Every structure is written in structure tokens, then in C-alpha cells.
């Protein structure tokens, strides 16, 4: 009986790790070297726990990104060190952008991050 109870308790904790998740339909744009490489409607999945906020989005054509923002401010973009990226074209459309590479040649942007 104890192993069953232990397994039940563990499953409760693993589900609670990212219990606060929401999906929303947004507008997403991928910029490469300053030019639009892909754009369109996308689904953004936003999850929050005590340690991080995780954003996952996918364009209808399959391209997407995962952005993890730690409570310490550390940003990972597709599991690589990244940062919020400045993009005047995207900002004018109300988009927030993130990039994985230091020179920000590829930027992943979405409304309502």
C-alpha cells in the first residue's frame, strides 16, 4: 500500500510543477537578418512556476520557439542562452522579441508575451 500512496503523491507534485498554464492565439513573426522569415497566427502556451516562466509557441507551418525566463532573469531560447531582442519593426506592431544568438540575427516575436 505504501508504494501506491508514494506514487500517487509523486504524481501530484509533478503535475503541480507547471500547473499555471494557459494557451492563447497570437500573431507571431520570425526575423532572420532583419527580414521576415515566417509570420502568421500561432498558439502560445505560457506556463509559470516558482522558478521560471516558459513560453512555447508554434506557427501553423510548424516553426516555433521555446523561451524560458528564470526568476533570476536568465533567458533561454530553444535551450540556448538568449535575451529579449530590440526590434523597431516588431515593436511598432506590438510584438515582443527574443533571440538566442548574441548578435540577434534570428528573432522570435509574438504579441502578448
PDB file of N, CA and C in Angstrom:
ATOM      1  N   UNK A   1       0.813  -1.200   0.000  1.00  0.00           N
ATOM      2  CA  UNK A   1       0.000   0.000   0.000  1.00  0.00           C
ATOM      3  C   UNK A   1       0.861   1.270   0.000  1.00  0.00           C
ATOM      4  N   UNK A   2       1.988   1.244   0.719  1.00  0.00           N
ATOM      5  CA  UNK A   2       2.841   2.424   0.772  1.00  0.00           C
ATOM      6  C   UNK A   2       3.391   2.815  -0.595  1.00  0.00           C
ATOM      7  N   UNK A   3       3.848   1.865  -1.445  1.00  0.00           N
ATOM      8  CA  UNK A   3       4.344   2.267  -2.768  1.00  0.00           C
ATOM      9  C   UNK A   3       3.271   2.953  -3.614  1.00  0.00           C
ATOM     10  N   UNK A   4       2.027   2.506  -3.500  1.00  0.00           N
ATOM     11  CA  UNK A   4       0.934   3.119  -4.267  1.00  0.00           C
ATOM     12  C   UNK A   4       0.698   4.543  -3.786  1.00  0.00           C
ATOM     13  N   UNK A   5       0.689   4.743  -2.474  1.00  0.00           N
ATOM     14  CA  UNK A   5       0.499   6.077  -1.915  1.00  0.00           C
ATOM     15  C   UNK A   5       1.648   6.996  -2.318  1.00  0.00           C
ATOM     16  N   UNK A   6       2.871   6.494  -2.263  1.00  0.00           N
ATOM     17  CA  UNK A   6       4.038   7.281  -2.657  1.00  0.00           C
ATOM     18  C   UNK A   6       3.936   7.690  -4.126  1.00  0.00           C
ATOM     19  N   UNK A   7       3.576   6.760  -4.991  1.00  0.00           N
ATOM     20  CA  UNK A   7       3.436   7.058  -6.427  1.00  0.00           C
ATOM     21  C   UNK A   7       2.352   8.102  -6.659  1.00  0.00           C
ATOM     22  N   UNK A   8       1.261   8.004  -5.919  1.00  0.00           N
ATOM     23  CA  UNK A   8       0.180   8.984  -6.060  1.00  0.00           C
ATOM     24  C   UNK A   8       0.648  10.372  -5.629  1.00  0.00           C
ATOM     25  N   UNK A   9       1.390  10.446  -4.541  1.00  0.00           N
ATOM     26  CA  UNK A   9       1.900  11.739  -4.080  1.00  0.00           C
ATOM     27  C   UNK A   9       2.894  12.330  -5.071  1.00  0.00           C
ATOM     28  N   UNK A  10       3.784  11.519  -5.610  1.00  0.00           N
ATOM     29  CA  UNK A  10       4.760  12.000  -6.594  1.00  0.00           C
ATOM     30  C   UNK A  10       4.048  12.538  -7.827  1.00  0.00           C
ATOM     31  N   UNK A  11       3.023  11.855  -8.290  1.00  0.00           N
ATOM     32  CA  UNK A  11       2.309  12.330  -9.482  1.00  0.00           C
ATOM     33  C   UNK A  11       1.628  13.659  -9.211  1.00  0.00           C
ATOM     34  N   UNK A  12       1.151  13.879  -8.009  1.00  0.00           N
ATOM     35  CA  UNK A  12       0.539  15.171  -7.668  1.00  0.00           C
ATOM     36  C   UNK A  12       1.569  16.290  -7.761  1.00  0.00           C
ATOM     37  N   UNK A  13       2.771  16.046  -7.252  1.00  0.00           N
ATOM     38  CA  UNK A  13       3.798  17.079  -7.297  1.00  0.00           C
ATOM     39  C   UNK A  13       4.281  17.340  -8.714  1.00  0.00           C
ATOM     40  N   UNK A  14       4.399  16.318  -9.532  1.00  0.00           N
ATOM     41  CA  UNK A  14       4.876  16.534 -10.898  1.00  0.00           C
ATOM     42  C   UNK A  14       3.850  17.286 -11.727  1.00  0.00           C
ATOM     43  N   UNK A  15       2.577  17.068 -11.498  1.00  0.00           N
ATOM     44  CA  UNK A  15       1.536  17.811 -12.210  1.00  0.00           C
ATOM     45  C   UNK A  15       1.541  19.262 -11.765  1.00  0.00           C
ATOM     46  N   UNK A  16       1.790  19.503 -10.489  1.00  0.00           N
ATOM     47  CA  UNK A  16       1.758  20.862  -9.956  1.00  0.00           C
ATOM     48  C   UNK A  16       2.956  21.698 -10.392  1.00  0.00           C
ATOM     49  N   UNK A  17       3.990  21.073 -10.929  1.00  0.00           N
ATOM     50  CA  UNK A  17       5.193  21.816 -11.300  1.00  0.00           C
ATOM     51  C   UNK A  17       4.889  22.945 -12.278  1.00  0.00           C
ATOM     52  N   UNK A  18       4.044  22.711 -13.244  1.00  0.00           N
ATOM     53  CA  UNK A  18       3.631  23.740 -14.190  1.00  0.00           C
ATOM     54  C   UNK A  18       2.110  23.790 -14.249  1.00  0.00           C
ATOM     55  N   UNK A  19       1.478  23.918 -13.101  1.00  0.00           N
ATOM     56  CA  UNK A  19       0.024  23.892 -13.048  1.00  0.00           C
ATOM     57  C   UNK A  19      -0.600  25.135 -13.662  1.00  0.00           C
ATOM     58  N   UNK A  20       0.089  26.255 -13.633  1.00  0.00           N
ATOM     59  CA  UNK A  20      -0.485  27.509 -14.126  1.00  0.00           C
ATOM     60  C   UNK A  20      -0.106  27.718 -15.591  1.00  0.00           C
ATOM     61  N   UNK A  21      -0.806  27.036 -16.492  1.00  0.00           N
ATOM     62  CA  UNK A  21      -0.537  27.161 -17.927  1.00  0.00           C
ATOM     63  C   UNK A  21      -1.778  27.669 -18.651  1.00  0.00           C
ATOM     64  N   UNK A  22      -1.546  28.493 -19.661  1.00  0.00           N
ATOM     65  CA  UNK A  22      -2.644  28.980 -20.491  1.00  0.00           C
ATOM     66  C   UNK A  22      -2.213  28.946 -21.955  1.00  0.00           C
ATOM     67  N   UNK A  23      -3.166  28.722 -22.830  1.00  0.00           N
ATOM     68  CA  UNK A  23      -2.948  28.781 -24.275  1.00  0.00           C
ATOM     69  C   UNK A  23      -3.697  29.977 -24.823  1.00  0.00           C
ATOM     70  N   UNK A  24      -3.098  30.652 -25.796  1.00  0.00           N
ATOM     71  CA  UNK A  24      -3.789  31.764 -26.449  1.00  0.00           C
ATOM     72  C   UNK A  24      -3.357  31.846 -27.905  1.00  0.00           C
ATOM     73  N   UNK A  25      -4.218  32.405 -28.718  1.00  0.00           N
ATOM     74  CA  UNK A  25      -3.924  32.609 -30.136  1.00  0.00           C
ATOM     75  C   UNK A  25      -3.301  33.991 -30.294  1.00  0.00           C
ATOM     76  N   UNK A  26      -2.144  34.057 -30.939  1.00  0.00           N
ATOM     77  CA  UNK A  26      -1.405  35.303 -31.084  1.00  0.00           C
ATOM     78  C   UNK A  26      -0.921  35.464 -32.520  1.00  0.00           C
ATOM     79  N   UNK A  27      -0.282  36.591 -32.776  1.00  0.00           N
ATOM     80  CA  UNK A  27       0.395  36.841 -34.048  1.00  0.00           C
ATOM     81  C   UNK A  27       1.887  36.665 -33.801  1.00  0.00           C
ATOM     82  N   UNK A  28       2.561  35.865 -34.614  1.00  0.00           N
ATOM     83  CA  UNK A  28       3.983  35.592 -34.425  1.00  0.00           C
ATOM     84  C   UNK A  28       4.758  35.893 -35.701  1.00  0.00           C
ATOM     85  N   UNK A  29       5.996  36.360 -35.515  1.00  0.00           N
ATOM     86  CA  UNK A  29       6.882  36.666 -36.638  1.00  0.00           C
ATOM     87  C   UNK A  29       8.284  36.167 -36.285  1.00  0.00           C
ATOM     88  N   UNK A  30       8.940  35.537 -37.243  1.00  0.00           N
ATOM     89  CA  UNK A  30      10.348  35.167 -37.102  1.00  0.00           C
ATOM     90  C   UNK A  30      11.136  36.048 -38.061  1.00  0.00           C
ATOM     91  N   UNK A  31      12.113  36.774 -37.509  1.00  0.00           N
ATOM     92  CA  UNK A  31      13.002  37.614 -38.318  1.00  0.00           C
ATOM     93  C   UNK A  31      14.355  36.926 -38.435  1.00  0.00           C
ATOM     94  N   UNK A  32      14.927  36.918 -39.634  1.00  0.00           N
ATOM     95  CA  UNK A  32      16.301  36.448 -39.843  1.00  0.00           C
ATOM     96  C   UNK A  32      17.048  37.550 -40.563  1.00  0.00           C
ATOM     97  N   UNK A  33      18.144  37.991 -39.954  1.00  0.00           N
ATOM     98  CA  UNK A  33      18.958  39.080 -40.515  1.00  0.00           C
ATOM     99  C   UNK A  33      18.120  40.308 -40.850  1.00  0.00           C
ATOM    100  N   UNK A  34      17.136  40.611 -40.010  1.00  0.00           N
ATOM    101  CA  UNK A  34      16.312  41.801 -40.184  1.00  0.00           C
ATOM    102  C   UNK A  34      15.135  41.647 -41.120  1.00  0.00           C
ATOM    103  N   UNK A  35      15.018  40.510 -41.785  1.00  0.00           N
ATOM    104  CA  UNK A  35      13.916  40.280 -42.720  1.00  0.00           C
ATOM    105  C   UNK A  35      12.931  39.263 -42.156  1.00  0.00           C
ATOM    106  N   UNK A  36      11.667  39.394 -42.531  1.00  0.00           N
ATOM    107  CA  UNK A  36      10.648  38.451 -42.081  1.00  0.00           C
ATOM    108  C   UNK A  36      10.904  37.104 -42.754  1.00  0.00           C
ATOM    109  N   UNK A  37      11.123  36.068 -41.941  1.00  0.00           N
ATOM    110  CA  UNK A  37      11.348  34.716 -42.457  1.00  0.00           C
ATOM    111  C   UNK A  37      10.077  33.883 -42.391  1.00  0.00           C
ATOM    112  N   UNK A  38       9.216  34.177 -41.427  1.00  0.00           N
ATOM    113  CA  UNK A  38       7.946  33.466 -41.271  1.00  0.00           C
ATOM    114  C   UNK A  38       7.032  34.330 -40.421  1.00  0.00           C
ATOM    115  N   UNK A  39       5.739  34.264 -40.700  1.00  0.00           N
ATOM    116  CA  UNK A  39       4.784  35.016 -39.888  1.00  0.00           C
ATOM    117  C   UNK A  39       3.409  34.396 -40.012  1.00  0.00           C
ATOM    118  N   UNK A  40       2.563  34.727 -39.041  1.00  0.00           N
ATOM    119  CA  UNK A  40       1.191  34.259 -39.086  1.00  0.00           C
ATOM    120  C   UNK A  40       0.638  34.027 -37.699  1.00  0.00           C
ATOM    121  N   UNK A  41      -0.576  33.498 -37.667  1.00  0.00           N
ATOM    122  CA  UNK A  41      -1.203  33.170 -36.401  1.00  0.00           C
ATOM    123  C   UNK A  41      -0.465  32.021 -35.737  1.00  0.00           C
ATOM    124  N   UNK A  42      -0.436  32.033 -34.427  1.00  0.00           N
ATOM    125  CA  UNK A  42       0.240  30.963 -33.698  1.00  0.00           C
ATOM    126  C   UNK A  42      -0.451  30.749 -32.360  1.00  0.00           C
ATOM    127  N   UNK A  43      -0.194  29.598 -31.792  1.00  0.00           N
ATOM    128  CA  UNK A  43      -0.674  29.286 -30.456  1.00  0.00           C
ATOM    129  C   UNK A  43       0.483  29.473 -29.493  1.00  0.00           C
ATOM    130  N   UNK A  44       0.263  30.269 -28.455  1.00  0.00           N
ATOM    131  CA  UNK A  44       1.285  30.486 -27.427  1.00  0.00           C
ATOM    132  C   UNK A  44       0.832  29.786 -26.154  1.00  0.00           C
ATOM    133  N   UNK A  45       1.676  28.899 -25.645  1.00  0.00           N
ATOM    134  CA  UNK A  45       1.440  28.223 -24.380  1.00  0.00           C
ATOM    135  C   UNK A  45       2.351  28.879 -23.355  1.00  0.00           C
ATOM    136  N   UNK A  46       1.759  29.430 -22.304  1.00  0.00           N
ATOM    137  CA  UNK A  46       2.513  30.146 -21.272  1.00  0.00           C
ATOM    138  C   UNK A  46       2.328  29.415 -19.946  1.00  0.00           C
ATOM    139  N   UNK A  47       3.433  28.968 -19.355  1.00  0.00           N
ATOM    140  CA  UNK A  47       3.398  28.265 -18.077  1.00  0.00           C
ATOM    141  C   UNK A  47       4.274  28.997 -17.065  1.00  0.00           C
ATOM    142  N   UNK A  48       3.850  28.957 -15.821  1.00  0.00           N
ATOM    143  CA  UNK A  48       4.563  29.651 -14.752  1.00  0.00           C
ATOM    144  C   UNK A  48       4.704  28.708 -13.570  1.00  0.00           C
ATOM    145  N   UNK A  49       5.892  28.685 -12.985  1.00  0.00           N
ATOM    146  CA  UNK A  49       6.074  28.016 -11.708  1.00  0.00           C
ATOM    147  C   UNK A  49       6.933  28.918 -10.832  1.00  0.00           C
ATOM    148  N   UNK A  50       7.365  28.420  -9.692  1.00  0.00           N
ATOM    149  CA  UNK A  50       8.135  29.257  -8.768  1.00  0.00           C
ATOM    150  C   UNK A  50       9.495  29.653  -9.328  1.00  0.00           C
ATOM    151  N   UNK A  51      10.035  28.867 -10.245  1.00  0.00           N
ATOM    152  CA  UNK A  51      11.388  29.103 -10.743  1.00  0.00           C
ATOM    153  C   UNK A  51      11.466  29.795 -12.091  1.00  0.00           C
ATOM    154  N   UNK A  52      10.431  29.669 -12.917  1.00  0.00           N
ATOM    155  CA  UNK A  52      10.545  30.184 -14.284  1.00  0.00           C
ATOM    156  C   UNK A  52       9.181  30.395 -14.930  1.00  0.00           C
ATOM    157  N   UNK A  53       9.223  31.160 -15.996  1.00  0.00           N
ATOM    158  CA  UNK A  53       8.086  31.319 -16.889  1.00  0.00           C
ATOM    159  C   UNK A  53       8.528  30.697 -18.212  1.00  0.00           C
ATOM    160  N   UNK A  54       7.709  29.816 -18.771  1.00  0.00           N
ATOM    161  CA  UNK A  54       8.053  29.153 -20.023  1.00  0.00           C
ATOM    162  C   UNK A  54       7.002  29.496 -21.067  1.00  0.00           C
ATOM    163  N   UNK A  55       7.470  29.990 -22.206  1.00  0.00           N
ATOM    164  CA  UNK A  55       6.602  30.338 -23.330  1.00  0.00           C
ATOM    165  C   UNK A  55       6.951  29.422 -24.488  1.00  0.00           C
ATOM    166  N   UNK A  56       5.940  28.762 -25.023  1.00  0.00           N
ATOM    167  CA  UNK A  56       6.150  27.912 -26.198  1.00  0.00           C
ATOM    168  C   UNK A  56       5.142  28.339 -27.240  1.00  0.00           C
ATOM    169  N   UNK A  57       5.630  28.605 -28.428  1.00  0.00           N
ATOM    170  CA  UNK A  57       4.685  28.921 -29.483  1.00  0.00           C
ATOM    171  C   UNK A  57       5.067  28.239 -30.770  1.00  0.00           C
ATOM    172  N   UNK A  58       4.040  28.047 -31.584  1.00  0.00           N
ATOM    173  CA  UNK A  58       4.232  27.329 -32.834  1.00  0.00           C
ATOM    174  C   UNK A  58       3.362  27.965 -33.904  1.00  0.00           C
ATOM    175  N   UNK A  59       3.990  28.319 -35.016  1.00  0.00           N
ATOM    176  CA  UNK A  59       3.247  28.809 -36.171  1.00  0.00           C
ATOM    177  C   UNK A  59       2.516  27.640 -36.822  1.00  0.00           C
ATOM    178  N   UNK A  60       1.502  27.955 -37.595  1.00  0.00           N
ATOM    179  CA  UNK A  60       0.736  26.910 -38.264  1.00  0.00           C
ATOM    180  C   UNK A  60       1.603  26.081 -39.213  1.00  0.00           C
ATOM    181  N   UNK A  61       2.704  26.652 -39.717  1.00  0.00           N
ATOM    182  CA  UNK A  61       3.589  25.901 -40.615  1.00  0.00           C
ATOM    183  C   UNK A  61       4.595  25.035 -39.853  1.00  0.00           C
ATOM    184  N   UNK A  62       4.501  25.020 -38.525  1.00  0.00           N
ATOM    185  CA  UNK A  62       5.346  24.150 -37.720  1.00  0.00           C
ATOM    186  C   UNK A  62       6.545  24.806 -37.070  1.00  0.00           C
ATOM    187  N   UNK A  63       6.943  25.996 -37.523  1.00  0.00           N
ATOM    188  CA  UNK A  63       8.085  26.673 -36.904  1.00  0.00           C
ATOM    189  C   UNK A  63       7.660  27.204 -35.540  1.00  0.00           C
ATOM    190  N   UNK A  64       8.584  27.167 -34.596  1.00  0.00           N
ATOM    191  CA  UNK A  64       8.236  27.648 -33.272  1.00  0.00           C
ATOM    192  C   UNK A  64       9.452  27.903 -32.412  1.00  0.00           C
ATOM    193  N   UNK A  65       9.188  28.181 -31.150  1.00  0.00           N
ATOM    194  CA  UNK A  65      10.253  28.539 -30.223  1.00  0.00           C
ATOM    195  C   UNK A  65       9.808  28.227 -28.800  1.00  0.00           C
ATOM    196  N   UNK A  66      10.794  27.984 -27.942  1.00  0.00           N
ATOM    197  CA  UNK A  66      10.562  27.879 -26.508  1.00  0.00           C
ATOM    198  C   UNK A  66      11.450  28.915 -25.830  1.00  0.00           C
ATOM    199  N   UNK A  67      10.837  29.767 -25.027  1.00  0.00           N
ATOM    200  CA  UNK A  67      11.566  30.794 -24.281  1.00  0.00           C
ATOM    201  C   UNK A  67      11.346  30.517 -22.800  1.00  0.00           C
ATOM    202  N   UNK A  68      12.430  30.361 -22.061  1.00  0.00           N
ATOM    203  CA  UNK A  68      12.349  30.156 -20.622  1.00  0.00           C
ATOM    204  C   UNK A  68      13.003  31.340 -19.933  1.00  0.00           C
ATOM    205  N   UNK A  69      12.242  31.976 -19.041  1.00  0.00           N
ATOM    206  CA  UNK A  69      12.739  33.138 -18.312  1.00  0.00           C
ATOM    207  C   UNK A  69      12.797  32.758 -16.837  1.00  0.00           C
ATOM    208  N   UNK A  70      14.008  32.606 -16.315  1.00  0.00           N
ATOM    209  CA  UNK A  70      14.184  32.221 -14.922  1.00  0.00           C
ATOM    210  C   UNK A  70      13.902  33.378 -13.984  1.00  0.00           C
ATOM    211  N   UNK A  71      13.616  33.054 -12.730  1.00  0.00           N
ATOM    212  CA  UNK A  71      13.329  34.122 -11.764  1.00  0.00           C
ATOM    213  C   UNK A  71      14.551  35.009 -11.539  1.00  0.00           C
ATOM    214  N   UNK A  72      15.731  34.507 -11.897  1.00  0.00           N
ATOM    215  CA  UNK A  72      16.957  35.300 -11.794  1.00  0.00           C
ATOM    216  C   UNK A  72      17.181  36.174 -13.030  1.00  0.00           C
ATOM    217  N   UNK A  73      16.242  36.124 -13.992  1.00  0.00           N
ATOM    218  CA  UNK A  73      16.348  36.931 -15.198  1.00  0.00           C
ATOM    219  C   UNK A  73      17.058  36.245 -16.349  1.00  0.00           C
ATOM    220  N   UNK A  74      17.631  35.066 -16.102  1.00  0.00           N
ATOM    221  CA  UNK A  74      18.319  34.324 -17.161  1.00  0.00           C
ATOM    222  C   UNK A  74      17.298  33.867 -18.205  1.00  0.00           C
ATOM    223  N   UNK A  75      17.630  34.070 -19.478  1.00  0.00           N
ATOM    224  CA  UNK A  75      16.736  33.713 -20.581  1.00  0.00           C
ATOM    225  C   UNK A  75      17.375  32.609 -21.418  1.00  0.00           C
ATOM    226  N   UNK A  76      16.588  31.585 -21.716  1.00  0.00           N
ATOM    227  CA  UNK A  76      16.996  30.540 -22.647  1.00  0.00           C
ATOM    228  C   UNK A  76      16.024  30.562 -23.822  1.00  0.00           C
ATOM    229  N   UNK A  77      16.560  30.535 -25.027  1.00  0.00           N
ATOM    230  CA  UNK A  77      15.741  30.488 -26.235  1.00  0.00           C
ATOM    231  C   UNK A  77      16.104  29.192 -26.951  1.00  0.00           C
ATOM    232  N   UNK A  78      15.127  28.300 -27.064  1.00  0.00           N
ATOM    233  CA  UNK A  78      15.383  26.964 -27.621  1.00  0.00           C
ATOM    234  C   UNK A  78      16.579  26.299 -26.941  1.00  0.00           C
ATOM    235  N   UNK A  79      16.605  26.423 -25.612  1.00  0.00           N
ATOM    236  CA  UNK A  79      17.620  25.812 -24.739  1.00  0.00           C
ATOM    237  C   UNK A  79      19.024  26.406 -24.896  1.00  0.00           C
ATOM    238  N   UNK A  80      19.134  27.551 -25.569  1.00  0.00           N
ATOM    239  CA  UNK A  80      20.417  28.244 -25.716  1.00  0.00           C
ATOM    240  C   UNK A  80      20.339  29.569 -24.971  1.00  0.00           C
ATOM    241  N   UNK A  81      21.464  30.080 -24.439  1.00  0.00           N
ATOM    242  CA  UNK A  81      21.435  31.389 -23.781  1.00  0.00           C
ATOM    243  C   UNK A  81      20.873  32.441 -24.732  1.00  0.00           C
ATOM    244  N   UNK A  82      19.971  33.260 -24.218  1.00  0.00           N
ATOM    245  CA  UNK A  82      19.336  34.263 -25.066  1.00  0.00           C
ATOM    246  C   UNK A  82      19.006  35.519 -24.295  1.00  0.00           C
ATOM    247  N   UNK A  83      18.222  36.373 -24.936  1.00  0.00           N
ATOM    248  CA  UNK A  83      17.839  37.647 -24.328  1.00  0.00           C
ATOM    249  C   UNK A  83      16.632  38.205 -25.066  1.00  0.00           C
ATOM    250  N   UNK A  84      16.001  39.174 -24.426  1.00  0.00           N
ATOM    251  CA  UNK A  84      14.966  39.942 -25.104  1.00  0.00           C
ATOM    252  C   UNK A  84      15.664  40.743 -26.196  1.00  0.00           C
ATOM    253  N   UNK A  85      15.059  40.814 -27.366  1.00  0.00           N
ATOM    254  CA  UNK A  85      15.699  41.472 -28.505  1.00  0.00           C
ATOM    255  C   UNK A  85      14.947  42.738 -28.885  1.00  0.00           C
ATOM    256  N   UNK A  86      15.686  43.768 -29.185  1.00  0.00           N
ATOM    257  CA  UNK A  86      15.108  45.032 -29.626  1.00  0.00           C
ATOM    258  C   UNK A  86      14.891  44.978 -31.137  1.00  0.00           C
ATOM    259  N   UNK A  87      13.663  45.281 -31.569  1.00  0.00           N
ATOM    260  CA  UNK A  87      13.333  45.269 -32.993  1.00  0.00           C
ATOM    261  C   UNK A  87      12.268  46.336 -33.217  1.00  0.00           C
ATOM    262  N   UNK A  88      12.634  47.434 -33.862  1.00  0.00           N
ATOM    263  CA  UNK A  88      11.704  48.561 -34.015  1.00  0.00           C
ATOM    264  C   UNK A  88      10.500  48.190 -34.882  1.00  0.00           C
ATOM    265  N   UNK A  89      10.690  47.377 -35.913  1.00  0.00           N
ATOM    266  CA  UNK A  89       9.553  46.951 -36.732  1.00  0.00           C
ATOM    267  C   UNK A  89       8.557  46.146 -35.912  1.00  0.00           C
ATOM    268  N   UNK A  90       9.065  45.204 -35.134  1.00  0.00           N
ATOM    269  CA  UNK A  90       8.206  44.364 -34.311  1.00  0.00           C
ATOM    270  C   UNK A  90       7.528  45.180 -33.215  1.00  0.00           C
ATOM    271  N   UNK A  91       8.270  46.085 -32.590  1.00  0.00           N
ATOM    272  CA  UNK A  91       7.699  46.909 -31.524  1.00  0.00           C
ATOM    273  C   UNK A  91       6.550  47.754 -32.053  1.00  0.00           C
ATOM    274  N   UNK A  92       6.677  48.244 -33.281  1.00  0.00           N
ATOM    275  CA  UNK A  92       5.614  49.031 -33.893  1.00  0.00           C
ATOM    276  C   UNK A  92       4.340  48.236 -34.109  1.00  0.00           C
ATOM    277  N   UNK A  93       4.464  46.905 -34.170  1.00  0.00           N
ATOM    278  CA  UNK A  93       3.296  46.032 -34.329  1.00  0.00           C
ATOM    279  C   UNK A  93       2.843  45.450 -32.996  1.00  0.00           C
ATOM    280  N   UNK A  94       3.457  45.885 -31.900  1.00  0.00           N
ATOM    281  CA  UNK A  94       3.083  45.380 -30.584  1.00  0.00           C
ATOM    282  C   UNK A  94       3.649  44.005 -30.273  1.00  0.00           C
ATOM    283  N   UNK A  95       4.757  43.651 -30.913  1.00  0.00           N
ATOM    284  CA  UNK A  95       5.375  42.347 -30.701  1.00  0.00           C
ATOM    285  C   UNK A  95       6.540  42.451 -29.724  1.00  0.00           C
ATOM    286  N   UNK A  96       6.755  41.397 -28.963  1.00  0.00           N
ATOM    287  CA  UNK A  96       7.919  41.266 -28.096  1.00  0.00           C
ATOM    288  C   UNK A  96       8.804  40.188 -28.702  1.00  0.00           C
ATOM    289  N   UNK A  97      10.112  40.441 -28.763  1.00  0.00           N
ATOM    290  CA  UNK A  97      11.032  39.521 -29.438  1.00  0.00           C
ATOM    291  C   UNK A  97      12.089  38.968 -28.485  1.00  0.00           C
ATOM    292  N   UNK A  98      12.491  37.735 -28.764  1.00  0.00           N
ATOM    293  CA  UNK A  98      13.599  37.088 -28.065  1.00  0.00           C
ATOM    294  C   UNK A  98      14.531  36.491 -29.104  1.00  0.00           C
ATOM    295  N   UNK A  99      15.812  36.403 -28.766  1.00  0.00           N
ATOM    296  CA  UNK A  99      16.809  35.834 -29.673  1.00  0.00           C
ATOM    297  C   UNK A  99      17.779  34.970 -28.886  1.00  0.00           C
ATOM    298  N   UNK A 100      18.282  33.919 -29.538  1.00  0.00           N
ATOM    299  CA  UNK A 100      19.213  33.009 -28.872  1.00  0.00           C
ATOM    300  C   UNK A 100      20.660  33.394 -29.094  1.00  0.00           C
ATOM    301  N   UNK A 101      20.975  33.949 -30.232  1.00  0.00           N
ATOM    302  CA  UNK A 101      22.377  34.245 -30.510  1.00  0.00           C
ATOM    303  C   UNK A 101      22.735  35.661 -30.074  1.00  0.00           C
ATOM    304  N   UNK A 102      23.993  35.856 -29.770  1.00  0.00           N
ATOM    305  CA  UNK A 102      24.440  37.135 -29.212  1.00  0.00           C
ATOM    306  C   UNK A 102      24.204  38.304 -30.160  1.00  0.00           C
ATOM    307  N   UNK A 103      24.327  38.080 -31.454  1.00  0.00           N
ATOM    308  CA  UNK A 103      24.126  39.196 -32.380  1.00  0.00           C
ATOM    309  C   UNK A 103      22.678  39.308 -32.859  1.00  0.00           C
ATOM    310  N   UNK A 104      21.823  38.457 -32.365  1.00  0.00           N
ATOM    311  CA  UNK A 104      20.371  38.536 -32.584  1.00  0.00           C
ATOM    312  C   UNK A 104      19.976  38.504 -34.065  1.00  0.00           C
ATOM    313  N   UNK A 105      20.662  37.683 -34.852  1.00  0.00           N
ATOM    314  CA  UNK A 105      20.311  37.556 -36.272  1.00  0.00           C
ATOM    315  C   UNK A 105      18.959  36.889 -36.467  1.00  0.00           C
ATOM    316  N   UNK A 106      18.597  35.960 -35.567  1.00  0.00           N
ATOM    317  CA  UNK A 106      17.290  35.310 -35.655  1.00  0.00           C
ATOM    318  C   UNK A 106      16.476  35.699 -34.433  1.00  0.00           C
ATOM    319  N   UNK A 107      15.337  36.355 -34.675  1.00  0.00           N
ATOM    320  CA  UNK A 107      14.488  36.832 -33.589  1.00  0.00           C
ATOM    321  C   UNK A 107      13.115  36.181 -33.688  1.00  0.00           C
ATOM    322  N   UNK A 108      12.605  35.774 -32.542  1.00  0.00           N
ATOM    323  CA  UNK A 108      11.286  35.164 -32.437  1.00  0.00           C
ATOM    324  C   UNK A 108      10.383  36.157 -31.723  1.00  0.00           C
ATOM    325  N   UNK A 109       9.331  36.595 -32.393  1.00  0.00           N
ATOM    326  CA  UNK A 109       8.489  37.667 -31.863  1.00  0.00           C
ATOM    327  C   UNK A 109       7.033  37.225 -31.795  1.00  0.00           C
ATOM    328  N   UNK A 110       6.329  37.722 -30.790  1.00  0.00           N
ATOM    329  CA  UNK A 110       4.914  37.408 -30.635  1.00  0.00           C
ATOM    330  C   UNK A 110       4.215  38.539 -29.903  1.00  0.00           C
ATOM    331  N   UNK A 111       2.922  38.659 -30.150  1.00  0.00           N
ATOM    332  CA  UNK A 111       2.101  39.563 -29.351  1.00  0.00           C
ATOM    333  C   UNK A 111       1.857  38.900 -28.001  1.00  0.00           C
ATOM    334  N   UNK A 112       1.583  39.703 -27.016  1.00  0.00           N
ATOM    335  CA  UNK A 112       1.105  39.240 -25.713  1.00  0.00           C
ATOM    336  C   UNK A 112       2.011  38.245 -25.003  1.00  0.00           C
ATOM    337  N   UNK A 113       3.325  38.420 -25.059  1.00  0.00           N
ATOM    338  CA  UNK A 113       4.215  37.622 -24.226  1.00  0.00           C
ATOM    339  C   UNK A 113       3.954  38.053 -22.809  1.00  0.00           C
TER     340      UNK A 113
END
